[in-house]
Structure formats: structure tokens, C-alpha cells
Amino acid sequence: MLAFVSEVHWLGVLAASVAHFMLGGAWFMGLVPKHYQAALGRNDPPGGKPPALVIIGPALCSLVIIATTAVLLKALAIETYGDAIAFGAFVALGYLAPMVMVIAINPNFPRPFYYAAINAPYFVLGSILSCVILTAMS
């Protein structure tokens, strides 16, 4: 598997990571901010500038996920957009969306199913978007 690391188009990984980050900003700051706060049991969004960790942490985690996805796309010889979309959906529905639910099922999330319903679609779209970008740039 590690042999495929050298075949990854790292500029594609960077482009997919930037696109994924932008999708996250549009999703959580534009599309679902009130719903996200409600899922967390908050009435009002936190004021002020968010801490750096809130911005940098998810971006770095997404970069790792996308780099891993790029290696898997190479290892599985996925080269068509149709296969990239299918793989992105498969990974998202098989790993990422269930992980969102696993994370949400704890006492700190008052509405775990609502939280998952808001977050899982973001990860599905982000995974598919990343796979398409990685395939286009490979």
C-alpha cells in the first residue's frame, strides 16, 4: 500500500483539501449554523473569533483523510469520475457518516441523531468532492 504514496499527485491533495475546507465553511457558517448550534444544545452561537484550533484542527484532519483517500484511489486504480463518485460515497457512507454517529453518541451531545443528520451529509459531499478532484488531477 505504501508503494502508492509516491504516485499520489500532492497538488491534487492540496486542491481537494482546500475545496473540502471551503465546503466546511459554507456548510457550517452559511447553511446550517443555527441547526448545528441546536444539535449541540446551544441557543446562541459563540461570539467573537473562533480559536485557531477550531479552524486548523479540522483542516489538518481533512488533509490526512484526503491524502489517505488519494493513496487508496491509486491502489484501487480508480481513474473514472463515476468510480471516483462511487468510491467517495462508499467511504463516506461506510466510514465517515457512521463515525459521526459514534462521536455523537455520548453524554456531551444532547441530540445525537440531529447532530449526525447535520454533519453526515457534509462528510458525504466532502468525500465525493475530494475523490472527484483527486481523480481530475491525477
C-alpha atoms as a PDB file:
ATOM      1  CA  MET A   1       0.000   0.000   0.000  1.00  0.00           C
ATOM      2  CA  LEU A   2       2.799   2.427   0.842  1.00  0.00           C
ATOM      3  CA  ALA A   3       4.232   1.960  -2.654  1.00  0.00           C
ATOM      4  CA  PHE A   4       1.329   4.040  -3.964  1.00  0.00           C
ATOM      5  CA  VAL A   5       2.275   7.076  -1.846  1.00  0.00           C
ATOM      6  CA  SER A   6       4.842   8.092  -4.450  1.00  0.00           C
ATOM      7  CA  GLU A   7       2.147   8.005  -7.161  1.00  0.00           C
ATOM      8  CA  VAL A   8      -0.130  10.485  -5.406  1.00  0.00           C
ATOM      9  CA  HIS A   9      -0.494  13.894  -7.046  1.00  0.00           C
ATOM     10  CA  TRP A  10       0.114  16.027  -3.959  1.00  0.00           C
ATOM     11  CA  LEU A  11      -1.082  19.228  -5.593  1.00  0.00           C
ATOM     12  CA  GLY A  12      -4.391  17.397  -6.091  1.00  0.00           C
ATOM     13  CA  VAL A  13      -4.423  16.532  -2.381  1.00  0.00           C
ATOM     14  CA  LEU A  14      -3.870  20.193  -1.558  1.00  0.00           C
ATOM     15  CA  ALA A  15      -6.589  21.319  -4.001  1.00  0.00           C
ATOM     16  CA  ALA A  16      -9.073  18.773  -2.627  1.00  0.00           C
ATOM     17  CA  SER A  17      -8.202  19.825   0.926  1.00  0.00           C
ATOM     18  CA  VAL A  18      -8.829  23.491   0.143  1.00  0.00           C
ATOM     19  CA  ALA A  19     -12.135  22.626  -1.543  1.00  0.00           C
ATOM     20  CA  HIS A  20     -13.145  20.482   1.444  1.00  0.00           C
ATOM     21  CA  PHE A  21     -12.235  23.318   3.832  1.00  0.00           C
ATOM     22  CA  MET A  22     -14.305  25.777   1.790  1.00  0.00           C
ATOM     23  CA  LEU A  23     -17.234  23.359   1.758  1.00  0.00           C
ATOM     24  CA  GLY A  24     -16.970  23.150   5.558  1.00  0.00           C
ATOM     25  CA  GLY A  25     -17.047  26.922   5.864  1.00  0.00           C
ATOM     26  CA  ALA A  26     -20.062  27.190   3.580  1.00  0.00           C
ATOM     27  CA  TRP A  27     -21.792  24.296   5.338  1.00  0.00           C
ATOM     28  CA  PHE A  28     -21.268  25.227   8.978  1.00  0.00           C
ATOM     29  CA  MET A  29     -21.166  29.023   8.708  1.00  0.00           C
ATOM     30  CA  GLY A  30     -23.679  29.538   5.904  1.00  0.00           C
ATOM     31  CA  LEU A  31     -26.041  26.608   5.508  1.00  0.00           C
ATOM     32  CA  VAL A  32     -26.581  25.069   8.954  1.00  0.00           C
ATOM     33  CA  PRO A  33     -25.141  27.308  11.706  1.00  0.00           C
ATOM     34  CA  LYS A  34     -28.354  27.562  13.742  1.00  0.00           C
ATOM     35  CA  HIS A  35     -29.143  23.868  13.346  1.00  0.00           C
ATOM     36  CA  TYR A  36     -25.583  22.959  14.315  1.00  0.00           C
ATOM     37  CA  GLN A  37     -25.832  25.036  17.491  1.00  0.00           C
ATOM     38  CA  ALA A  38     -29.207  23.468  18.308  1.00  0.00           C
ATOM     39  CA  ALA A  39     -27.771  19.977  17.825  1.00  0.00           C
ATOM     40  CA  LEU A  40     -25.088  20.893  20.346  1.00  0.00           C
ATOM     41  CA  GLY A  41     -27.720  22.137  22.792  1.00  0.00           C
ATOM     42  CA  ARG A  42     -26.768  25.799  22.428  1.00  0.00           C
ATOM     43  CA  ASN A  43     -29.230  28.625  21.884  1.00  0.00           C
ATOM     44  CA  ASP A  44     -26.786  31.201  20.565  1.00  0.00           C
ATOM     45  CA  PRO A  45     -23.622  30.757  18.519  1.00  0.00           C
ATOM     46  CA  PRO A  46     -20.430  31.603  20.371  1.00  0.00           C
ATOM     47  CA  GLY A  47     -19.421  35.193  19.770  1.00  0.00           C
ATOM     48  CA  GLY A  48     -16.083  36.512  18.663  1.00  0.00           C
ATOM     49  CA  LYS A  49     -13.316  34.994  16.652  1.00  0.00           C
ATOM     50  CA  PRO A  50     -13.070  31.188  16.945  1.00  0.00           C
ATOM     51  CA  PRO A  51      -9.862  29.767  18.438  1.00  0.00           C
ATOM     52  CA  ALA A  52      -7.199  28.686  15.934  1.00  0.00           C
ATOM     53  CA  LEU A  53      -7.698  25.034  16.859  1.00  0.00           C
ATOM     54  CA  VAL A  54     -11.305  25.200  15.624  1.00  0.00           C
ATOM     55  CA  ILE A  55     -10.052  26.272  12.188  1.00  0.00           C
ATOM     56  CA  ILE A  56      -6.706  24.498  11.874  1.00  0.00           C
ATOM     57  CA  GLY A  57      -7.685  21.200  13.532  1.00  0.00           C
ATOM     58  CA  PRO A  58     -10.418  20.185  11.080  1.00  0.00           C
ATOM     59  CA  ALA A  59      -8.326  21.421   8.129  1.00  0.00           C
ATOM     60  CA  LEU A  60      -5.379  19.227   9.137  1.00  0.00           C
ATOM     61  CA  CYS A  61      -7.607  16.236   9.838  1.00  0.00           C
ATOM     62  CA  SER A  62      -9.239  16.652   6.431  1.00  0.00           C
ATOM     63  CA  LEU A  63      -5.805  16.851   4.817  1.00  0.00           C
ATOM     64  CA  VAL A  64      -4.880  13.484   6.381  1.00  0.00           C
ATOM     65  CA  ILE A  65      -8.183  11.916   5.300  1.00  0.00           C
ATOM     66  CA  ILE A  66      -7.806  13.239   1.750  1.00  0.00           C
ATOM     67  CA  ALA A  67      -4.174  12.108   1.495  1.00  0.00           C
ATOM     68  CA  THR A  68      -5.232   8.629   2.630  1.00  0.00           C
ATOM     69  CA  THR A  69      -8.059   8.674   0.117  1.00  0.00           C
ATOM     70  CA  ALA A  70      -5.602   9.645  -2.640  1.00  0.00           C
ATOM     71  CA  VAL A  71      -3.433   6.622  -1.810  1.00  0.00           C
ATOM     72  CA  LEU A  72      -6.482   4.348  -1.859  1.00  0.00           C
ATOM     73  CA  LEU A  73      -7.633   5.758  -5.209  1.00  0.00           C
ATOM     74  CA  LYS A  74      -4.207   4.930  -6.655  1.00  0.00           C
ATOM     75  CA  ALA A  75      -4.055   1.483  -5.045  1.00  0.00           C
ATOM     76  CA  LEU A  76      -7.512   0.609  -6.354  1.00  0.00           C
ATOM     77  CA  ALA A  77      -6.742   2.097  -9.793  1.00  0.00           C
ATOM     78  CA  ILE A  78      -9.782   4.359  -9.701  1.00  0.00           C
ATOM     79  CA  GLU A  79      -9.488   6.635 -12.721  1.00  0.00           C
ATOM     80  CA  THR A  80     -13.012   7.478 -13.900  1.00  0.00           C
ATOM     81  CA  TYR A  81     -15.318  10.082 -12.426  1.00  0.00           C
ATOM     82  CA  GLY A  82     -18.074   7.523 -11.969  1.00  0.00           C
ATOM     83  CA  ASP A  83     -15.793   5.253  -9.969  1.00  0.00           C
ATOM     84  CA  ALA A  84     -14.483   8.247  -8.005  1.00  0.00           C
ATOM     85  CA  ILE A  85     -18.026   9.280  -7.060  1.00  0.00           C
ATOM     86  CA  ALA A  86     -18.909   5.710  -6.092  1.00  0.00           C
ATOM     87  CA  PHE A  87     -15.735   5.341  -4.019  1.00  0.00           C
ATOM     88  CA  GLY A  88     -16.261   8.700  -2.304  1.00  0.00           C
ATOM     89  CA  ALA A  89     -19.822   7.743  -1.416  1.00  0.00           C
ATOM     90  CA  PHE A  90     -18.763   4.273  -0.277  1.00  0.00           C
ATOM     91  CA  VAL A  91     -16.086   5.641   2.051  1.00  0.00           C
ATOM     92  CA  ALA A  92     -18.390   8.352   3.378  1.00  0.00           C
ATOM     93  CA  LEU A  93     -21.352   6.077   3.991  1.00  0.00           C
ATOM     94  CA  GLY A  94     -19.220   3.190   5.251  1.00  0.00           C
ATOM     95  CA  TYR A  95     -16.782   5.063   7.488  1.00  0.00           C
ATOM     96  CA  LEU A  96     -17.266   8.804   7.829  1.00  0.00           C
ATOM     97  CA  ALA A  97     -21.023   9.088   8.426  1.00  0.00           C
ATOM     98  CA  PRO A  98     -21.108   6.194  10.934  1.00  0.00           C
ATOM     99  CA  MET A  99     -18.125   7.752  12.733  1.00  0.00           C
ATOM    100  CA  VAL A 100     -20.084  10.991  13.093  1.00  0.00           C
ATOM    101  CA  MET A 101     -22.817   8.997  14.819  1.00  0.00           C
ATOM    102  CA  VAL A 102     -20.317   7.176  17.037  1.00  0.00           C
ATOM    103  CA  ILE A 103     -18.860  10.524  18.108  1.00  0.00           C
ATOM    104  CA  ALA A 104     -22.315  11.992  18.752  1.00  0.00           C
ATOM    105  CA  ILE A 105     -23.469   9.110  20.956  1.00  0.00           C
ATOM    106  CA  ASN A 106     -22.073  10.343  24.228  1.00  0.00           C
ATOM    107  CA  PRO A 107     -23.464  12.417  27.083  1.00  0.00           C
ATOM    108  CA  ASN A 108     -21.992  15.652  25.690  1.00  0.00           C
ATOM    109  CA  PHE A 109     -24.301  15.653  22.653  1.00  0.00           C
ATOM    110  CA  PRO A 110     -27.903  16.245  23.743  1.00  0.00           C
ATOM    111  CA  ARG A 111     -29.317  15.444  20.277  1.00  0.00           C
ATOM    112  CA  PRO A 112     -27.014  12.848  18.676  1.00  0.00           C
ATOM    113  CA  PHE A 113     -29.301  11.929  15.775  1.00  0.00           C
ATOM    114  CA  TYR A 114     -29.874  15.580  14.921  1.00  0.00           C
ATOM    115  CA  TYR A 115     -26.131  16.205  15.122  1.00  0.00           C
ATOM    116  CA  ALA A 116     -25.447  13.267  12.789  1.00  0.00           C
ATOM    117  CA  ALA A 117     -28.177  14.379  10.386  1.00  0.00           C
ATOM    118  CA  ILE A 118     -26.489  17.787  10.098  1.00  0.00           C
ATOM    119  CA  ASN A 119     -22.888  16.582   9.900  1.00  0.00           C
ATOM    120  CA  ALA A 120     -23.059  13.333   7.920  1.00  0.00           C
ATOM    121  CA  PRO A 121     -24.205  14.971   4.647  1.00  0.00           C
ATOM    122  CA  TYR A 122     -21.215  17.323   4.841  1.00  0.00           C
ATOM    123  CA  PHE A 123     -18.852  14.372   5.065  1.00  0.00           C
ATOM    124  CA  VAL A 124     -20.611  12.553   2.224  1.00  0.00           C
ATOM    125  CA  LEU A 125     -20.421  15.593  -0.058  1.00  0.00           C
ATOM    126  CA  GLY A 126     -16.860  16.339   1.015  1.00  0.00           C
ATOM    127  CA  SER A 127     -15.710  12.798   0.339  1.00  0.00           C
ATOM    128  CA  ILE A 128     -17.291  12.722  -3.114  1.00  0.00           C
ATOM    129  CA  LEU A 129     -15.956  16.191  -3.950  1.00  0.00           C
ATOM    130  CA  SER A 130     -12.458  15.203  -2.824  1.00  0.00           C
ATOM    131  CA  CYS A 131     -12.478  11.993  -4.852  1.00  0.00           C
ATOM    132  CA  VAL A 132     -13.599  13.835  -7.981  1.00  0.00           C
ATOM    133  CA  ILE A 133     -10.879  16.476  -7.550  1.00  0.00           C
ATOM    134  CA  LEU A 134      -8.225  13.841  -6.859  1.00  0.00           C
ATOM    135  CA  THR A 135      -9.280  11.899  -9.950  1.00  0.00           C
ATOM    136  CA  ALA A 136      -9.332  15.026 -12.117  1.00  0.00           C
ATOM    137  CA  MET A 137      -5.835  15.995 -11.014  1.00  0.00           C
ATOM    138  CA  SER A 138      -4.216  12.562 -11.118  1.00  0.00           C
END
